[in-house]
Amino acid sequence: MIGPMGETPPPTNAPESARWRIQAKDGDRIIALENEGMFDELVIDQWLHLEQMDDDRWWLRIGDVTMSGTIDADGNAKATVDPQ
């Protein structure tokens, strides 16, 4: 099955971090990575940082705001804003 962005998703029993896509542009050229390995970390300059801390636990910082999140066995995500 092809997804809405033309991607071929991994099997439905794959871990949550196995289904991901990153896309960038360089002029007219599109640079894309999709489902290549297990997603672990994304950092953009000093203002955005997303990192998988454990199989079901994630950490996100956007500017001065940090969030923690978990994904349960059914794939449902729950996030909380961390106190500053």
PDB file of N, CA and C in Angstrom:
ATOM      1  N   MET A   1       0.845  -1.188   0.000  1.00  0.00           N
ATOM      2  CA  MET A   1       0.000   0.000   0.000  1.00  0.00           C
ATOM      3  C   MET A   1       0.884   1.243   0.000  1.00  0.00           C
ATOM      4  N   ILE A   2       0.519   2.233  -0.774  1.00  0.00           N
ATOM      5  CA  ILE A   2       1.260   3.486  -0.849  1.00  0.00           C
ATOM      6  C   ILE A   2       0.538   4.526   0.002  1.00  0.00           C
ATOM      7  N   GLY A   3       1.293   5.252   0.834  1.00  0.00           N
ATOM      8  CA  GLY A   3       0.714   6.267   1.707  1.00  0.00           C
ATOM      9  C   GLY A   3       0.411   7.550   0.960  1.00  0.00           C
ATOM     10  N   PRO A   4      -0.175   8.544   1.648  1.00  0.00           N
ATOM     11  CA  PRO A   4      -0.592   9.794   1.011  1.00  0.00           C
ATOM     12  C   PRO A   4       0.555  10.608   0.429  1.00  0.00           C
ATOM     13  N   MET A   5       1.774  10.399   0.898  1.00  0.00           N
ATOM     14  CA  MET A   5       2.931  11.136   0.390  1.00  0.00           C
ATOM     15  C   MET A   5       3.729  10.290  -0.601  1.00  0.00           C
ATOM     16  N   GLY A   6       3.154   9.159  -1.048  1.00  0.00           N
ATOM     17  CA  GLY A   6       3.835   8.295  -1.989  1.00  0.00           C
ATOM     18  C   GLY A   6       4.785   7.313  -1.328  1.00  0.00           C
ATOM     19  N   GLU A   7       4.760   7.250  -0.005  1.00  0.00           N
ATOM     20  CA  GLU A   7       5.682   6.390   0.717  1.00  0.00           C
ATOM     21  C   GLU A   7       5.134   4.971   0.839  1.00  0.00           C
ATOM     22  N   THR A   8       6.032   4.032   1.003  1.00  0.00           N
ATOM     23  CA  THR A   8       5.652   2.656   1.276  1.00  0.00           C
ATOM     24  C   THR A   8       5.867   2.422   2.759  1.00  0.00           C
ATOM     25  N   PRO A   9       4.785   2.303   3.541  1.00  0.00           N
ATOM     26  CA  PRO A   9       4.958   2.169   4.984  1.00  0.00           C
ATOM     27  C   PRO A   9       5.525   0.808   5.356  1.00  0.00           C
ATOM     28  N   PRO A  10       6.225   0.730   6.498  1.00  0.00           N
ATOM     29  CA  PRO A  10       6.706  -0.559   6.981  1.00  0.00           C
ATOM     30  C   PRO A  10       5.529  -1.407   7.465  1.00  0.00           C
ATOM     31  N   PRO A  11       5.756  -2.663   7.793  1.00  0.00           N
ATOM     32  CA  PRO A  11       4.664  -3.507   8.283  1.00  0.00           C
ATOM     33  C   PRO A  11       3.973  -2.887   9.483  1.00  0.00           C
ATOM     34  N   THR A  12       2.693  -3.189   9.658  1.00  0.00           N
ATOM     35  CA  THR A  12       1.927  -2.585  10.748  1.00  0.00           C
ATOM     36  C   THR A  12       2.427  -3.020  12.115  1.00  0.00           C
ATOM     37  N   ASN A  13       3.149  -4.129  12.204  1.00  0.00           N
ATOM     38  CA  ASN A  13       3.665  -4.560  13.507  1.00  0.00           C
ATOM     39  C   ASN A  13       5.052  -3.970  13.803  1.00  0.00           C
ATOM     40  N   ALA A  14       5.539  -3.066  12.959  1.00  0.00           N
ATOM     41  CA  ALA A  14       6.843  -2.429  13.176  1.00  0.00           C
ATOM     42  C   ALA A  14       6.745  -1.440  14.332  1.00  0.00           C
ATOM     43  N   PRO A  15       7.850  -1.238  15.079  1.00  0.00           N
ATOM     44  CA  PRO A  15       7.837  -0.239  16.162  1.00  0.00           C
ATOM     45  C   PRO A  15       7.506   1.146  15.623  1.00  0.00           C
ATOM     46  N   GLU A  16       6.973   2.002  16.497  1.00  0.00           N
ATOM     47  CA  GLU A  16       6.559   3.346  16.078  1.00  0.00           C
ATOM     48  C   GLU A  16       7.700   4.127  15.444  1.00  0.00           C
ATOM     49  N   SER A  17       8.916   3.954  15.916  1.00  0.00           N
ATOM     50  CA  SER A  17      10.028   4.723  15.372  1.00  0.00           C
ATOM     51  C   SER A  17      10.508   4.186  14.025  1.00  0.00           C
ATOM     52  N   ALA A  18       9.864   3.126  13.516  1.00  0.00           N
ATOM     53  CA  ALA A  18      10.227   2.587  12.200  1.00  0.00           C
ATOM     54  C   ALA A  18       9.468   3.295  11.080  1.00  0.00           C
ATOM     55  N   ARG A  19       8.439   4.066  11.401  1.00  0.00           N
ATOM     56  CA  ARG A  19       7.640   4.769  10.398  1.00  0.00           C
ATOM     57  C   ARG A  19       7.906   6.264  10.511  1.00  0.00           C
ATOM     58  N   TRP A  20       8.696   6.803   9.591  1.00  0.00           N
ATOM     59  CA  TRP A  20       9.050   8.224   9.656  1.00  0.00           C
ATOM     60  C   TRP A  20       9.463   8.708   8.281  1.00  0.00           C
ATOM     61  N   ARG A  21       9.491  10.040   8.130  1.00  0.00           N
ATOM     62  CA  ARG A  21       9.910  10.657   6.876  1.00  0.00           C
ATOM     63  C   ARG A  21      10.484  12.033   7.181  1.00  0.00           C
ATOM     64  N   ILE A  22      11.591  12.367   6.539  1.00  0.00           N
ATOM     65  CA  ILE A  22      12.186  13.700   6.621  1.00  0.00           C
ATOM     66  C   ILE A  22      12.395  14.177   5.194  1.00  0.00           C
ATOM     67  N   GLN A  23      12.026  15.415   4.946  1.00  0.00           N
ATOM     68  CA  GLN A  23      12.193  15.975   3.607  1.00  0.00           C
ATOM     69  C   GLN A  23      12.797  17.363   3.700  1.00  0.00           C
ATOM     70  N   ALA A  24      13.737  17.646   2.813  1.00  0.00           N
ATOM     71  CA  ALA A  24      14.380  18.963   2.739  1.00  0.00           C
ATOM     72  C   ALA A  24      14.445  19.363   1.271  1.00  0.00           C
ATOM     73  N   LYS A  25      14.675  20.638   1.022  1.00  0.00           N
ATOM     74  CA  LYS A  25      14.794  21.127  -0.346  1.00  0.00           C
ATOM     75  C   LYS A  25      16.126  21.847  -0.518  1.00  0.00           C
ATOM     76  N   ASP A  26      16.705  21.689  -1.694  1.00  0.00           N
ATOM     77  CA  ASP A  26      17.913  22.392  -2.095  1.00  0.00           C
ATOM     78  C   ASP A  26      17.617  22.952  -3.481  1.00  0.00           C
ATOM     79  N   GLY A  27      17.085  24.167  -3.514  1.00  0.00           N
ATOM     80  CA  GLY A  27      16.606  24.719  -4.780  1.00  0.00           C
ATOM     81  C   GLY A  27      15.412  23.909  -5.253  1.00  0.00           C
ATOM     82  N   ASP A  28      15.486  23.357  -6.453  1.00  0.00           N
ATOM     83  CA  ASP A  28      14.403  22.531  -6.980  1.00  0.00           C
ATOM     84  C   ASP A  28      14.548  21.056  -6.607  1.00  0.00           C
ATOM     85  N   ARG A  29      15.673  20.701  -6.024  1.00  0.00           N
ATOM     86  CA  ARG A  29      15.936  19.298  -5.680  1.00  0.00           C
ATOM     87  C   ARG A  29      15.330  18.962  -4.322  1.00  0.00           C
ATOM     88  N   ILE A  30      14.621  17.845  -4.240  1.00  0.00           N
ATOM     89  CA  ILE A  30      14.042  17.370  -2.986  1.00  0.00           C
ATOM     90  C   ILE A  30      14.931  16.260  -2.434  1.00  0.00           C
ATOM     91  N   ILE A  31      15.275  16.393  -1.177  1.00  0.00           N
ATOM     92  CA  ILE A  31      16.089  15.407  -0.477  1.00  0.00           C
ATOM     93  C   ILE A  31      15.172  14.747   0.551  1.00  0.00           C
ATOM     94  N   ALA A  32      14.987  13.447   0.443  1.00  0.00           N
ATOM     95  CA  ALA A  32      14.055  12.767   1.339  1.00  0.00           C
ATOM     96  C   ALA A  32      14.655  11.482   1.880  1.00  0.00           C
ATOM     97  N   LEU A  33      14.388  11.234   3.145  1.00  0.00           N
ATOM     98  CA  LEU A  33      14.696   9.962   3.796  1.00  0.00           C
ATOM     99  C   LEU A  33      13.387   9.434   4.354  1.00  0.00           C
ATOM    100  N   GLU A  34      13.183   8.147   4.188  1.00  0.00           N
ATOM    101  CA  GLU A  34      11.919   7.578   4.641  1.00  0.00           C
ATOM    102  C   GLU A  34      12.110   6.143   5.096  1.00  0.00           C
ATOM    103  N   ASN A  35      11.733   5.885   6.330  1.00  0.00           N
ATOM    104  CA  ASN A  35      11.743   4.536   6.890  1.00  0.00           C
ATOM    105  C   ASN A  35      13.074   3.822   6.679  1.00  0.00           C
ATOM    106  N   GLU A  36      14.177   4.568   6.754  1.00  0.00           N
ATOM    107  CA  GLU A  36      15.500   3.960   6.622  1.00  0.00           C
ATOM    108  C   GLU A  36      16.087   3.800   8.015  1.00  0.00           C
ATOM    109  N   GLY A  37      15.912   2.635   8.574  1.00  0.00           N
ATOM    110  CA  GLY A  37      16.352   2.387   9.942  1.00  0.00           C
ATOM    111  C   GLY A  37      15.314   2.871  10.939  1.00  0.00           C
ATOM    112  N   MET A  38      15.709   2.917  12.192  1.00  0.00           N
ATOM    113  CA  MET A  38      14.829   3.361  13.268  1.00  0.00           C
ATOM    114  C   MET A  38      15.125   4.831  13.548  1.00  0.00           C
ATOM    115  N   PHE A  39      14.096   5.668  13.540  1.00  0.00           N
ATOM    116  CA  PHE A  39      14.278   7.090  13.815  1.00  0.00           C
ATOM    117  C   PHE A  39      14.767   7.253  15.245  1.00  0.00           C
ATOM    118  N   ASP A  40      15.771   8.121  15.437  1.00  0.00           N
ATOM    119  CA  ASP A  40      16.323   8.326  16.769  1.00  0.00           C
ATOM    120  C   ASP A  40      16.332   9.786  17.185  1.00  0.00           C
ATOM    121  N   GLU A  41      16.769  10.694  16.291  1.00  0.00           N
ATOM    122  CA  GLU A  41      16.968  12.070  16.733  1.00  0.00           C
ATOM    123  C   GLU A  41      16.879  13.034  15.556  1.00  0.00           C
ATOM    124  N   LEU A  42      16.306  14.206  15.809  1.00  0.00           N
ATOM    125  CA  LEU A  42      16.255  15.304  14.847  1.00  0.00           C
ATOM    126  C   LEU A  42      16.650  16.569  15.576  1.00  0.00           C
ATOM    127  N   VAL A  43      17.626  17.291  15.042  1.00  0.00           N
ATOM    128  CA  VAL A  43      18.070  18.561  15.631  1.00  0.00           C
ATOM    129  C   VAL A  43      18.129  19.583  14.508  1.00  0.00           C
ATOM    130  N   ILE A  44      17.498  20.746  14.724  1.00  0.00           N
ATOM    131  CA  ILE A  44      17.565  21.857  13.786  1.00  0.00           C
ATOM    132  C   ILE A  44      18.055  23.072  14.558  1.00  0.00           C
ATOM    133  N   ASP A  45      19.255  23.534  14.191  1.00  0.00           N
ATOM    134  CA  ASP A  45      19.887  24.663  14.879  1.00  0.00           C
ATOM    135  C   ASP A  45      19.794  24.467  16.394  1.00  0.00           C
ATOM    136  N   GLN A  46      19.508  25.553  17.111  1.00  0.00           N
ATOM    137  CA  GLN A  46      19.398  25.484  18.570  1.00  0.00           C
ATOM    138  C   GLN A  46      17.958  25.488  19.052  1.00  0.00           C
ATOM    139  N   TRP A  47      16.989  25.545  18.136  1.00  0.00           N
ATOM    140  CA  TRP A  47      15.608  25.764  18.566  1.00  0.00           C
ATOM    141  C   TRP A  47      14.734  24.522  18.527  1.00  0.00           C
ATOM    142  N   LEU A  48      15.161  23.420  17.882  1.00  0.00           N
ATOM    143  CA  LEU A  48      14.319  22.222  17.823  1.00  0.00           C
ATOM    144  C   LEU A  48      15.171  20.984  18.034  1.00  0.00           C
ATOM    145  N   HIS A  49      14.700  20.121  18.949  1.00  0.00           N
ATOM    146  CA  HIS A  49      15.402  18.870  19.241  1.00  0.00           C
ATOM    147  C   HIS A  49      14.347  17.830  19.607  1.00  0.00           C
ATOM    148  N   LEU A  50      14.289  16.750  18.832  1.00  0.00           N
ATOM    149  CA  LEU A  50      13.389  15.621  19.103  1.00  0.00           C
ATOM    150  C   LEU A  50      14.254  14.381  19.223  1.00  0.00           C
ATOM    151  N   GLU A  51      14.056  13.626  20.299  1.00  0.00           N
ATOM    152  CA  GLU A  51      14.902  12.454  20.516  1.00  0.00           C
ATOM    153  C   GLU A  51      14.111  11.317  21.149  1.00  0.00           C
ATOM    154  N   GLN A  52      14.340  10.102  20.626  1.00  0.00           N
ATOM    155  CA  GLN A  52      13.746   8.915  21.228  1.00  0.00           C
ATOM    156  C   GLN A  52      14.639   8.497  22.387  1.00  0.00           C
ATOM    157  N   MET A  53      14.080   8.458  23.586  1.00  0.00           N
ATOM    158  CA  MET A  53      14.855   8.152  24.787  1.00  0.00           C
ATOM    159  C   MET A  53      14.826   6.661  25.122  1.00  0.00           C
ATOM    160  N   ASP A  54      13.759   5.972  24.728  1.00  0.00           N
ATOM    161  CA  ASP A  54      13.580   4.553  24.976  1.00  0.00           C
ATOM    162  C   ASP A  54      12.581   4.058  23.929  1.00  0.00           C
ATOM    163  N   ASP A  55      12.270   2.779  23.924  1.00  0.00           N
ATOM    164  CA  ASP A  55      11.359   2.245  22.910  1.00  0.00           C
ATOM    165  C   ASP A  55      10.032   2.992  22.857  1.00  0.00           C
ATOM    166  N   ASP A  56       9.528   3.429  23.989  1.00  0.00           N
ATOM    167  CA  ASP A  56       8.208   4.066  24.033  1.00  0.00           C
ATOM    168  C   ASP A  56       8.246   5.475  24.616  1.00  0.00           C
ATOM    169  N   ARG A  57       9.431   6.073  24.767  1.00  0.00           N
ATOM    170  CA  ARG A  57       9.550   7.371  25.437  1.00  0.00           C
ATOM    171  C   ARG A  57      10.310   8.356  24.550  1.00  0.00           C
ATOM    172  N   TRP A  58       9.740   9.578  24.411  1.00  0.00           N
ATOM    173  CA  TRP A  58      10.300  10.623  23.556  1.00  0.00           C
ATOM    174  C   TRP A  58      10.485  11.912  24.341  1.00  0.00           C
ATOM    175  N   TRP A  59      11.403  12.751  23.876  1.00  0.00           N
ATOM    176  CA  TRP A  59      11.661  14.058  24.471  1.00  0.00           C
ATOM    177  C   TRP A  59      11.727  15.068  23.340  1.00  0.00           C
ATOM    178  N   LEU A  60      11.113  16.250  23.541  1.00  0.00           N
ATOM    179  CA  LEU A  60      11.062  17.287  22.515  1.00  0.00           C
ATOM    180  C   LEU A  60      11.329  18.641  23.147  1.00  0.00           C
ATOM    181  N   ARG A  61      12.180  19.432  22.482  1.00  0.00           N
ATOM    182  CA  ARG A  61      12.390  20.820  22.894  1.00  0.00           C
ATOM    183  C   ARG A  61      12.184  21.709  21.683  1.00  0.00           C
ATOM    184  N   ILE A  62      11.306  22.680  21.835  1.00  0.00           N
ATOM    185  CA  ILE A  62      11.108  23.722  20.825  1.00  0.00           C
ATOM    186  C   ILE A  62      11.340  25.039  21.539  1.00  0.00           C
ATOM    187  N   GLY A  63      12.424  25.712  21.189  1.00  0.00           N
ATOM    188  CA  GLY A  63      12.774  26.949  21.898  1.00  0.00           C
ATOM    189  C   GLY A  63      13.006  26.669  23.359  1.00  0.00           C
ATOM    190  N   ASP A  64      12.263  27.352  24.229  1.00  0.00           N
ATOM    191  CA  ASP A  64      12.407  27.180  25.671  1.00  0.00           C
ATOM    192  C   ASP A  64      11.424  26.175  26.263  1.00  0.00           C
ATOM    193  N   VAL A  65      10.600  25.559  25.431  1.00  0.00           N
ATOM    194  CA  VAL A  65       9.579  24.625  25.910  1.00  0.00           C
ATOM    195  C   VAL A  65      10.045  23.192  25.677  1.00  0.00           C
ATOM    196  N   THR A  66       9.955  22.359  26.726  1.00  0.00           N
ATOM    197  CA  THR A  66      10.279  20.944  26.582  1.00  0.00           C
ATOM    198  C   THR A  66       9.038  20.112  26.885  1.00  0.00           C
ATOM    199  N   MET A  67       8.954  18.989  26.197  1.00  0.00           N
ATOM    200  CA  MET A  67       7.835  18.063  26.373  1.00  0.00           C
ATOM    201  C   MET A  67       8.380  16.650  26.466  1.00  0.00           C
ATOM    202  N   SER A  68       7.657  15.815  27.195  1.00  0.00           N
ATOM    203  CA  SER A  68       7.957  14.390  27.266  1.00  0.00           C
ATOM    204  C   SER A  68       6.748  13.653  26.735  1.00  0.00           C
ATOM    205  N   GLY A  69       6.993  12.549  26.075  1.00  0.00           N
ATOM    206  CA  GLY A  69       5.883  11.798  25.526  1.00  0.00           C
ATOM    207  C   GLY A  69       6.126  10.306  25.594  1.00  0.00           C
ATOM    208  N   THR A  70       5.032   9.564  25.607  1.00  0.00           N
ATOM    209  CA  THR A  70       5.092   8.108  25.586  1.00  0.00           C
ATOM    210  C   THR A  70       4.121   7.596  24.527  1.00  0.00           C
ATOM    211  N   ILE A  71       4.410   6.406  24.043  1.00  0.00           N
ATOM    212  CA  ILE A  71       3.532   5.742  23.083  1.00  0.00           C
ATOM    213  C   ILE A  71       3.205   4.380  23.666  1.00  0.00           C
ATOM    214  N   ASP A  72       1.898   4.082  23.835  1.00  0.00           N
ATOM    215  CA  ASP A  72       1.531   2.804  24.434  1.00  0.00           C
ATOM    216  C   ASP A  72       1.545   1.686  23.386  1.00  0.00           C
ATOM    217  N   ALA A  73       1.251   0.476  23.808  1.00  0.00           N
ATOM    218  CA  ALA A  73       1.318  -0.696  22.939  1.00  0.00           C
ATOM    219  C   ALA A  73       0.366  -0.607  21.751  1.00  0.00           C
ATOM    220  N   ASP A  74      -0.703   0.189  21.871  1.00  0.00           N
ATOM    221  CA  ASP A  74      -1.661   0.355  20.779  1.00  0.00           C
ATOM    222  C   ASP A  74      -1.273   1.489  19.835  1.00  0.00           C
ATOM    223  N   GLY A  75      -0.140   2.169  20.106  1.00  0.00           N
ATOM    224  CA  GLY A  75       0.305   3.262  19.252  1.00  0.00           C
ATOM    225  C   GLY A  75      -0.281   4.610  19.611  1.00  0.00           C
ATOM    226  N   ASN A  76      -0.963   4.703  20.756  1.00  0.00           N
ATOM    227  CA  ASN A  76      -1.530   5.977  21.204  1.00  0.00           C
ATOM    228  C   ASN A  76      -0.457   6.804  21.896  1.00  0.00           C
ATOM    229  N   ALA A  77      -0.374   8.073  21.523  1.00  0.00           N
ATOM    230  CA  ALA A  77       0.632   8.965  22.092  1.00  0.00           C
ATOM    231  C   ALA A  77       0.037   9.810  23.209  1.00  0.00           C
ATOM    232  N   LYS A  78       0.832  10.039  24.241  1.00  0.00           N
ATOM    233  CA  LYS A  78       0.449  10.919  25.344  1.00  0.00           C
ATOM    234  C   LYS A  78       1.624  11.827  25.609  1.00  0.00           C
ATOM    235  N   ALA A  79       1.400  13.138  25.655  1.00  0.00           N
ATOM    236  CA  ALA A  79       2.471  14.117  25.848  1.00  0.00           C
ATOM    237  C   ALA A  79       2.156  15.038  27.009  1.00  0.00           C
ATOM    238  N   THR A  80       3.213  15.457  27.704  1.00  0.00           N
ATOM    239  CA  THR A  80       3.081  16.436  28.771  1.00  0.00           C
ATOM    240  C   THR A  80       4.142  17.509  28.598  1.00  0.00           C
ATOM    241  N   VAL A  81       3.779  18.741  28.911  1.00  0.00           N
ATOM    242  CA  VAL A  81       4.745  19.843  28.887  1.00  0.00           C
ATOM    243  C   VAL A  81       5.510  19.783  30.205  1.00  0.00           C
ATOM    244  N   ASP A  82       6.835  19.767  30.099  1.00  0.00           N
ATOM    245  CA  ASP A  82       7.676  19.685  31.293  1.00  0.00           C
ATOM    246  C   ASP A  82       7.723  21.043  31.985  1.00  0.00           C
ATOM    247  N   PRO A  83       7.739  21.055  33.328  1.00  0.00           N
ATOM    248  CA  PRO A  83       7.858  22.323  34.036  1.00  0.00           C
ATOM    249  C   PRO A  83       9.197  22.980  33.743  1.00  0.00           C
ATOM    250  N   GLN A  84       9.187  24.310  33.759  1.00  0.00           N
ATOM    251  CA  GLN A  84      10.437  25.046  33.476  1.00  0.00           C
ATOM    252  C   GLN A  84      11.161  25.387  34.743  1.00  0.00           C
TER     253      GLN A  84
END
